[in-house]
PDB file of N, CA and C in Angstrom:
ATOM      1  N   UNK A   1       0.537  -1.141  -0.032  1.00  0.00           N
ATOM      2  CA  UNK A   1      -0.121  -0.265  -0.193  1.00  0.00           C
ATOM      3  C   UNK A   1       0.984   1.196   0.258  1.00  0.00           C
ATOM      4  N   UNK A   2       2.244   0.997   0.350  1.00  0.00           N
ATOM      5  CA  UNK A   2       3.069   2.367   0.464  1.00  0.00           C
ATOM      6  C   UNK A   2       3.470   2.677  -0.510  1.00  0.00           C
ATOM      7  N   UNK A   3       3.533   1.809  -1.664  1.00  0.00           N
ATOM      8  CA  UNK A   3       4.413   1.889  -2.826  1.00  0.00           C
ATOM      9  C   UNK A   3       3.406   2.830  -3.646  1.00  0.00           C
ATOM     10  N   UNK A   4       1.968   2.287  -3.417  1.00  0.00           N
ATOM     11  CA  UNK A   4       1.215   2.736  -4.439  1.00  0.00           C
ATOM     12  C   UNK A   4       0.371   4.242  -4.079  1.00  0.00           C
ATOM     13  N   UNK A   5       0.690   4.356  -2.556  1.00  0.00           N
ATOM     14  CA  UNK A   5       0.591   5.618  -2.188  1.00  0.00           C
ATOM     15  C   UNK A   5       1.450   6.671  -2.521  1.00  0.00           C
ATOM     16  N   UNK A   6       2.746   6.323  -2.840  1.00  0.00           N
ATOM     17  CA  UNK A   6       3.747   6.907  -2.784  1.00  0.00           C
ATOM     18  C   UNK A   6       3.805   7.619  -4.434  1.00  0.00           C
ATOM     19  N   UNK A   7       3.146   6.356  -5.349  1.00  0.00           N
ATOM     20  CA  UNK A   7       2.854   7.080  -6.868  1.00  0.00           C
ATOM     21  C   UNK A   7       2.169   8.250  -6.899  1.00  0.00           C
ATOM     22  N   UNK A   8       1.184   8.529  -5.829  1.00  0.00           N
ATOM     23  CA  UNK A   8       0.523   9.502  -5.811  1.00  0.00           C
ATOM     24  C   UNK A   8       0.694  10.895  -6.170  1.00  0.00           C
ATOM     25  N   UNK A   9       0.944  11.637  -6.483  1.00  0.00           N
ATOM     26  CA  UNK A   9       1.585  13.050  -5.991  1.00  0.00           C
ATOM     27  C   UNK A   9       0.793  13.693  -5.214  1.00  0.00           C
ATOM     28  N   UNK A  10       2.101  14.403  -4.199  1.00  0.00           N
ATOM     29  CA  UNK A  10       1.373  15.050  -2.903  1.00  0.00           C
ATOM     30  C   UNK A  10       0.129  16.332  -3.826  1.00  0.00           C
ATOM     31  N   UNK A  11       0.304  16.665  -4.649  1.00  0.00           N
ATOM     32  CA  UNK A  11       0.122  17.742  -4.924  1.00  0.00           C
ATOM     33  C   UNK A  11      -1.622  17.804  -5.451  1.00  0.00           C
ATOM     34  N   UNK A  12      -1.288  16.420  -6.089  1.00  0.00           N
ATOM     35  CA  UNK A  12      -2.710  15.967  -6.159  1.00  0.00           C
ATOM     36  C   UNK A  12      -3.639  15.681  -5.367  1.00  0.00           C
ATOM     37  N   UNK A  13      -2.861  14.904  -4.140  1.00  0.00           N
ATOM     38  CA  UNK A  13      -3.959  14.728  -3.130  1.00  0.00           C
ATOM     39  C   UNK A  13      -4.413  15.859  -2.073  1.00  0.00           C
ATOM     40  N   UNK A  14      -3.263  17.343  -2.351  1.00  0.00           N
ATOM     41  CA  UNK A  14      -3.625  17.718  -1.896  1.00  0.00           C
ATOM     42  C   UNK A  14      -4.441  19.108  -2.601  1.00  0.00           C
ATOM     43  N   UNK A  15      -4.916  18.939  -3.728  1.00  0.00           N
ATOM     44  CA  UNK A  15      -6.002  19.342  -4.405  1.00  0.00           C
ATOM     45  C   UNK A  15      -6.984  18.862  -4.146  1.00  0.00           C
ATOM     46  N   UNK A  16      -7.173  17.511  -4.197  1.00  0.00           N
ATOM     47  CA  UNK A  16      -8.239  16.861  -4.018  1.00  0.00           C
ATOM     48  C   UNK A  16      -8.930  17.124  -2.497  1.00  0.00           C
ATOM     49  N   UNK A  17      -8.143  16.885  -1.844  1.00  0.00           N
ATOM     50  CA  UNK A  17      -8.577  17.082  -0.378  1.00  0.00           C
ATOM     51  C   UNK A  17      -9.035  18.438  -0.365  1.00  0.00           C
ATOM     52  N   UNK A  18      -8.593  19.131  -0.687  1.00  0.00           N
ATOM     53  CA  UNK A  18      -9.307  20.632  -0.837  1.00  0.00           C
ATOM     54  C   UNK A  18     -10.616  21.042  -1.166  1.00  0.00           C
ATOM     55  N   UNK A  19     -10.847  20.226  -2.624  1.00  0.00           N
ATOM     56  CA  UNK A  19     -11.841  20.594  -3.521  1.00  0.00           C
ATOM     57  C   UNK A  19     -12.587  19.361  -2.835  1.00  0.00           C
ATOM     58  N   UNK A  20     -12.475  18.458  -2.701  1.00  0.00           N
ATOM     59  CA  UNK A  20     -13.732  17.158  -2.119  1.00  0.00           C
ATOM     60  C   UNK A  20     -13.971  17.512  -0.717  1.00  0.00           C
ATOM     61  N   UNK A  21     -12.593  18.276   0.455  1.00  0.00           N
ATOM     62  CA  UNK A  21     -13.251  18.502   1.285  1.00  0.00           C
ATOM     63  C   UNK A  21     -13.809  19.497   1.887  1.00  0.00           C
ATOM     64  N   UNK A  22     -13.718  20.414   1.266  1.00  0.00           N
ATOM     65  CA  UNK A  22     -14.405  21.887   1.239  1.00  0.00           C
ATOM     66  C   UNK A  22     -15.785  22.032   0.392  1.00  0.00           C
ATOM     67  N   UNK A  23     -15.922  21.418  -0.155  1.00  0.00           N
ATOM     68  CA  UNK A  23     -17.056  21.428  -1.700  1.00  0.00           C
ATOM     69  C   UNK A  23     -18.370  20.739  -0.629  1.00  0.00           C
ATOM     70  N   UNK A  24     -19.585  21.422  -0.816  1.00  0.00           N
ATOM     71  CA  UNK A  24     -19.390  22.914  -1.794  1.00  0.00           C
ATOM     72  C   UNK A  24     -19.023  23.629  -0.355  1.00  0.00           C
ATOM     73  N   UNK A  25     -18.952  25.031  -0.944  1.00  0.00           N
ATOM     74  CA  UNK A  25     -18.369  25.967   0.119  1.00  0.00           C
ATOM     75  C   UNK A  25     -19.386  26.706   0.942  1.00  0.00           C
ATOM     76  N   UNK A  26     -20.747  26.496   0.305  1.00  0.00           N
ATOM     77  CA  UNK A  26     -21.722  27.349   1.208  1.00  0.00           C
ATOM     78  C   UNK A  26     -22.778  26.393   0.732  1.00  0.00           C
ATOM     79  N   UNK A  27     -23.530  26.333   2.222  1.00  0.00           N
ATOM     80  CA  UNK A  27     -23.235  26.920   3.546  1.00  0.00           C
ATOM     81  C   UNK A  27     -22.723  26.342   4.267  1.00  0.00           C
ATOM     82  N   UNK A  28     -22.136  25.348   4.305  1.00  0.00           N
ATOM     83  CA  UNK A  28     -20.718  24.489   5.121  1.00  0.00           C
ATOM     84  C   UNK A  28     -20.096  23.616   4.219  1.00  0.00           C
ATOM     85  N   UNK A  29     -18.986  23.304   4.701  1.00  0.00           N
ATOM     86  CA  UNK A  29     -18.224  22.180   3.822  1.00  0.00           C
ATOM     87  C   UNK A  29     -19.093  20.896   3.761  1.00  0.00           C
ATOM     88  N   UNK A  30     -19.216  19.955   3.042  1.00  0.00           N
ATOM     89  CA  UNK A  30     -19.991  18.377   3.068  1.00  0.00           C
ATOM     90  C   UNK A  30     -18.978  17.935   4.312  1.00  0.00           C
ATOM     91  N   UNK A  31     -17.496  17.587   4.077  1.00  0.00           N
ATOM     92  CA  UNK A  31     -16.979  16.875   5.269  1.00  0.00           C
ATOM     93  C   UNK A  31     -17.654  17.595   6.799  1.00  0.00           C
ATOM     94  N   UNK A  32     -17.616  18.738   6.771  1.00  0.00           N
ATOM     95  CA  UNK A  32     -17.577  18.988   8.175  1.00  0.00           C
ATOM     96  C   UNK A  32     -18.967  18.795   8.470  1.00  0.00           C
ATOM     97  N   UNK A  33     -20.064  18.767   7.585  1.00  0.00           N
ATOM     98  CA  UNK A  33     -21.559  18.556   8.027  1.00  0.00           C
ATOM     99  C   UNK A  33     -21.676  16.950   8.237  1.00  0.00           C
ATOM    100  N   UNK A  34     -21.201  16.498   7.364  1.00  0.00           N
ATOM    101  CA  UNK A  34     -21.149  15.050   7.268  1.00  0.00           C
ATOM    102  C   UNK A  34     -20.351  14.345   9.054  1.00  0.00           C
ATOM    103  N   UNK A  35     -19.261  15.225   9.518  1.00  0.00           N
ATOM    104  CA  UNK A  35     -18.513  14.761  10.525  1.00  0.00           C
ATOM    105  C   UNK A  35     -19.282  15.240  11.950  1.00  0.00           C
ATOM    106  N   UNK A  36     -20.124  16.613  11.555  1.00  0.00           N
ATOM    107  CA  UNK A  36     -21.183  16.915  12.592  1.00  0.00           C
ATOM    108  C   UNK A  36     -22.245  15.732  12.746  1.00  0.00           C
ATOM    109  N   UNK A  37     -23.031  14.977  11.925  1.00  0.00           N
ATOM    110  CA  UNK A  37     -23.658  14.539  11.439  1.00  0.00           C
ATOM    111  C   UNK A  37     -23.421  12.966  12.492  1.00  0.00           C
ATOM    112  N   UNK A  38     -22.136  12.777  12.302  1.00  0.00           N
ATOM    113  CA  UNK A  38     -21.485  11.099  13.047  1.00  0.00           C
ATOM    114  C   UNK A  38     -21.169  11.891  14.344  1.00  0.00           C
ATOM    115  N   UNK A  39     -20.895  12.721  14.973  1.00  0.00           N
ATOM    116  CA  UNK A  39     -20.947  12.719  16.384  1.00  0.00           C
ATOM    117  C   UNK A  39     -22.295  13.274  16.671  1.00  0.00           C
ATOM    118  N   UNK A  40     -23.203  13.362  16.327  1.00  0.00           N
ATOM    119  CA  UNK A  40     -24.095  13.367  16.565  1.00  0.00           C
ATOM    120  C   UNK A  40     -25.252  12.249  16.832  1.00  0.00           C
ATOM    121  N   UNK A  41     -24.638  11.353  15.978  1.00  0.00           N
ATOM    122  CA  UNK A  41     -25.539  10.298  15.752  1.00  0.00           C
ATOM    123  C   UNK A  41     -26.672  10.014  14.596  1.00  0.00           C
ATOM    124  N   UNK A  42     -26.628  11.061  13.990  1.00  0.00           N
ATOM    125  CA  UNK A  42     -27.460  11.178  12.905  1.00  0.00           C
ATOM    126  C   UNK A  42     -26.959  10.771  11.628  1.00  0.00           C
ATOM    127  N   UNK A  43     -26.178  10.047  11.522  1.00  0.00           N
ATOM    128  CA  UNK A  43     -25.418   9.301  10.395  1.00  0.00           C
ATOM    129  C   UNK A  43     -26.052   7.902   9.867  1.00  0.00           C
ATOM    130  N   UNK A  44     -26.652   7.888   9.715  1.00  0.00           N
ATOM    131  CA  UNK A  44     -27.517   6.596   9.242  1.00  0.00           C
ATOM    132  C   UNK A  44     -27.845   6.058   8.055  1.00  0.00           C
ATOM    133  N   UNK A  45     -28.114   6.993   7.189  1.00  0.00           N
ATOM    134  CA  UNK A  45     -28.608   6.865   5.644  1.00  0.00           C
ATOM    135  C   UNK A  45     -27.230   6.397   5.023  1.00  0.00           C
ATOM    136  N   UNK A  46     -27.286   5.596   4.220  1.00  0.00           N
ATOM    137  CA  UNK A  46     -26.532   5.026   3.590  1.00  0.00           C
ATOM    138  C   UNK A  46     -25.333   5.741   2.226  1.00  0.00           C
ATOM    139  N   UNK A  47     -26.663   7.048   1.961  1.00  0.00           N
ATOM    140  CA  UNK A  47     -25.902   8.076   1.196  1.00  0.00           C
ATOM    141  C   UNK A  47     -25.244   8.809   1.900  1.00  0.00           C
ATOM    142  N   UNK A  48     -25.573   8.926   2.986  1.00  0.00           N
ATOM    143  CA  UNK A  48     -24.214  10.051   3.975  1.00  0.00           C
ATOM    144  C   UNK A  48     -22.887   9.168   4.622  1.00  0.00           C
ATOM    145  N   UNK A  49     -23.487   7.785   4.408  1.00  0.00           N
ATOM    146  CA  UNK A  49     -22.218   7.463   4.870  1.00  0.00           C
ATOM    147  C   UNK A  49     -21.407   7.332   3.655  1.00  0.00           C
ATOM    148  N   UNK A  50     -21.788   7.028   2.568  1.00  0.00           N
ATOM    149  CA  UNK A  50     -20.818   7.224   1.483  1.00  0.00           C
ATOM    150  C   UNK A  50     -20.377   8.391   1.262  1.00  0.00           C
ATOM    151  N   UNK A  51     -21.304   9.447   1.454  1.00  0.00           N
ATOM    152  CA  UNK A  51     -20.737  11.049   1.432  1.00  0.00           C
ATOM    153  C   UNK A  51     -19.507  10.976   2.236  1.00  0.00           C
ATOM    154  N   UNK A  52     -19.401  10.468   3.526  1.00  0.00           N
ATOM    155  CA  UNK A  52     -18.491  10.912   4.580  1.00  0.00           C
ATOM    156  C   UNK A  52     -17.224  10.015   3.722  1.00  0.00           C
ATOM    157  N   UNK A  53     -17.338   9.000   3.371  1.00  0.00           N
ATOM    158  CA  UNK A  53     -16.152   7.985   2.961  1.00  0.00           C
ATOM    159  C   UNK A  53     -15.375   8.930   1.472  1.00  0.00           C
ATOM    160  N   UNK A  54     -16.486   9.461   1.025  1.00  0.00           N
ATOM    161  CA  UNK A  54     -15.884   9.693  -0.586  1.00  0.00           C
ATOM    162  C   UNK A  54     -15.424  11.134  -0.214  1.00  0.00           C
ATOM    163  N   UNK A  55     -15.712  12.210   0.598  1.00  0.00           N
ATOM    164  CA  UNK A  55     -15.404  13.508   0.790  1.00  0.00           C
ATOM    165  C   UNK A  55     -13.935  13.308   2.171  1.00  0.00           C
ATOM    166  N   UNK A  56     -13.882  12.283   2.510  1.00  0.00           N
ATOM    167  CA  UNK A  56     -13.106  12.154   3.440  1.00  0.00           C
ATOM    168  C   UNK A  56     -11.597  11.411   3.442  1.00  0.00           C
ATOM    169  N   UNK A  57     -11.914  10.369   1.888  1.00  0.00           N
ATOM    170  CA  UNK A  57     -10.377   9.325   1.459  1.00  0.00           C
ATOM    171  C   UNK A  57      -9.270  10.496   0.972  1.00  0.00           C
ATOM    172  N   UNK A  58      -9.571  11.693   0.208  1.00  0.00           N
ATOM    173  CA  UNK A  58      -8.797  11.973  -0.137  1.00  0.00           C
ATOM    174  C   UNK A  58      -7.583  12.777   1.517  1.00  0.00           C
ATOM    175  N   UNK A  59      -8.478  12.922   2.561  1.00  0.00           N
ATOM    176  CA  UNK A  59      -7.517  13.691   3.464  1.00  0.00           C
ATOM    177  C   UNK A  59      -7.074  12.622   4.337  1.00  0.00           C
ATOM    178  N   UNK A  60      -7.700  11.576   4.317  1.00  0.00           N
ATOM    179  CA  UNK A  60      -7.125  10.286   5.118  1.00  0.00           C
ATOM    180  C   UNK A  60      -5.854   9.731   4.055  1.00  0.00           C
ATOM    181  N   UNK A  61      -5.792   9.792   2.831  1.00  0.00           N
ATOM    182  CA  UNK A  61      -4.638   9.449   2.051  1.00  0.00           C
ATOM    183  C   UNK A  61      -3.553  10.272   2.363  1.00  0.00           C
ATOM    184  N   UNK A  62      -3.835  11.673   2.232  1.00  0.00           N
ATOM    185  CA  UNK A  62      -3.019  12.989   2.371  1.00  0.00           C
ATOM    186  C   UNK A  62      -2.200  12.733   3.940  1.00  0.00           C
ATOM    187  N   UNK A  63      -2.909  12.596   4.753  1.00  0.00           N
ATOM    188  CA  UNK A  63      -2.188  12.371   5.975  1.00  0.00           C
ATOM    189  C   UNK A  63      -1.526  11.039   6.083  1.00  0.00           C
ATOM    190  N   UNK A  64      -1.823  10.175   5.366  1.00  0.00           N
ATOM    191  CA  UNK A  64      -0.968   8.935   5.653  1.00  0.00           C
ATOM    192  C   UNK A  64       0.352   9.086   4.832  1.00  0.00           C
ATOM    193  N   UNK A  65       0.395   9.670   3.279  1.00  0.00           N
ATOM    194  CA  UNK A  65       1.177  10.010   3.035  1.00  0.00           C
ATOM    195  C   UNK A  65       2.297  10.818   3.595  1.00  0.00           C
ATOM    196  N   UNK A  66       1.739  11.368   4.315  1.00  0.00           N
ATOM    197  CA  UNK A  66       2.681  12.835   5.016  1.00  0.00           C
ATOM    198  C   UNK A  66       3.181  12.229   6.405  1.00  0.00           C
ATOM    199  N   UNK A  67       2.540  11.041   6.481  1.00  0.00           N
ATOM    200  CA  UNK A  67       3.107  10.336   8.311  1.00  0.00           C
ATOM    201  C   UNK A  67       4.199   9.564   7.351  1.00  0.00           C
ATOM    202  N   UNK A  68       4.024   8.532   6.538  1.00  0.00           N
ATOM    203  CA  UNK A  68       4.916   7.672   5.999  1.00  0.00           C
ATOM    204  C   UNK A  68       6.162   8.678   5.609  1.00  0.00           C
ATOM    205  N   UNK A  69       6.199   9.693   4.467  1.00  0.00           N
ATOM    206  CA  UNK A  69       7.115  10.139   4.589  1.00  0.00           C
ATOM    207  C   UNK A  69       7.831  11.092   5.089  1.00  0.00           C
ATOM    208  N   UNK A  70       7.446  11.404   6.568  1.00  0.00           N
ATOM    209  CA  UNK A  70       7.697  12.059   8.183  1.00  0.00           C
ATOM    210  C   UNK A  70       8.539  10.645   8.735  1.00  0.00           C
ATOM    211  N   UNK A  71       7.991   9.685   8.630  1.00  0.00           N
ATOM    212  CA  UNK A  71       8.979   8.316   9.178  1.00  0.00           C
ATOM    213  C   UNK A  71      10.201   7.878   8.471  1.00  0.00           C
ATOM    214  N   UNK A  72      10.197   7.634   6.927  1.00  0.00           N
ATOM    215  CA  UNK A  72      10.899   7.834   5.848  1.00  0.00           C
ATOM    216  C   UNK A  72      12.188   8.550   6.306  1.00  0.00           C
ATOM    217  N   UNK A  73      11.881  10.056   6.214  1.00  0.00           N
ATOM    218  CA  UNK A  73      12.872  10.879   6.365  1.00  0.00           C
ATOM    219  C   UNK A  73      13.683  10.737   8.007  1.00  0.00           C
ATOM    220  N   UNK A  74      12.693  10.435   9.221  1.00  0.00           N
ATOM    221  CA  UNK A  74      13.331  10.089  10.328  1.00  0.00           C
ATOM    222  C   UNK A  74      14.179   9.226  10.604  1.00  0.00           C
ATOM    223  N   UNK A  75      13.891   7.975  10.223  1.00  0.00           N
ATOM    224  CA  UNK A  75      14.715   6.613   9.625  1.00  0.00           C
ATOM    225  C   UNK A  75      16.090   7.113   8.829  1.00  0.00           C
ATOM    226  N   UNK A  76      15.856   7.793   7.973  1.00  0.00           N
ATOM    227  CA  UNK A  76      17.034   8.133   6.981  1.00  0.00           C
ATOM    228  C   UNK A  76      18.213   9.355   7.884  1.00  0.00           C
ATOM    229  N   UNK A  77      17.451   9.914   9.035  1.00  0.00           N
ATOM    230  CA  UNK A  77      18.088  10.568   9.712  1.00  0.00           C
ATOM    231  C   UNK A  77      19.297  10.090  10.677  1.00  0.00           C
ATOM    232  N   UNK A  78      18.324   8.958  11.101  1.00  0.00           N
ATOM    233  CA  UNK A  78      18.841   7.921  12.442  1.00  0.00           C
ATOM    234  C   UNK A  78      20.061   7.151  11.725  1.00  0.00           C
ATOM    235  N   UNK A  79      20.314   7.051  10.469  1.00  0.00           N
ATOM    236  CA  UNK A  79      21.197   5.614  10.402  1.00  0.00           C
ATOM    237  C   UNK A  79      22.425   6.941   9.770  1.00  0.00           C
TER     238      UNK A  79
END
């Protein structure tokens, strides 16, 4: 999985995270709305769960890639 993640350009992940994570911009970002629904316990419809997955995936991938990059750099420094 790490090799596949490193094949995706970081800039692409950043753009996808911003666009999918914040769209629609008005009245509130979709991802934020779904996270509020999750914390309220009202995230029960299949379409809402799919929306959370779709809008949150780029963010999870970006965080994973940045974490792997930081760990790899730390291991290189320690050697």
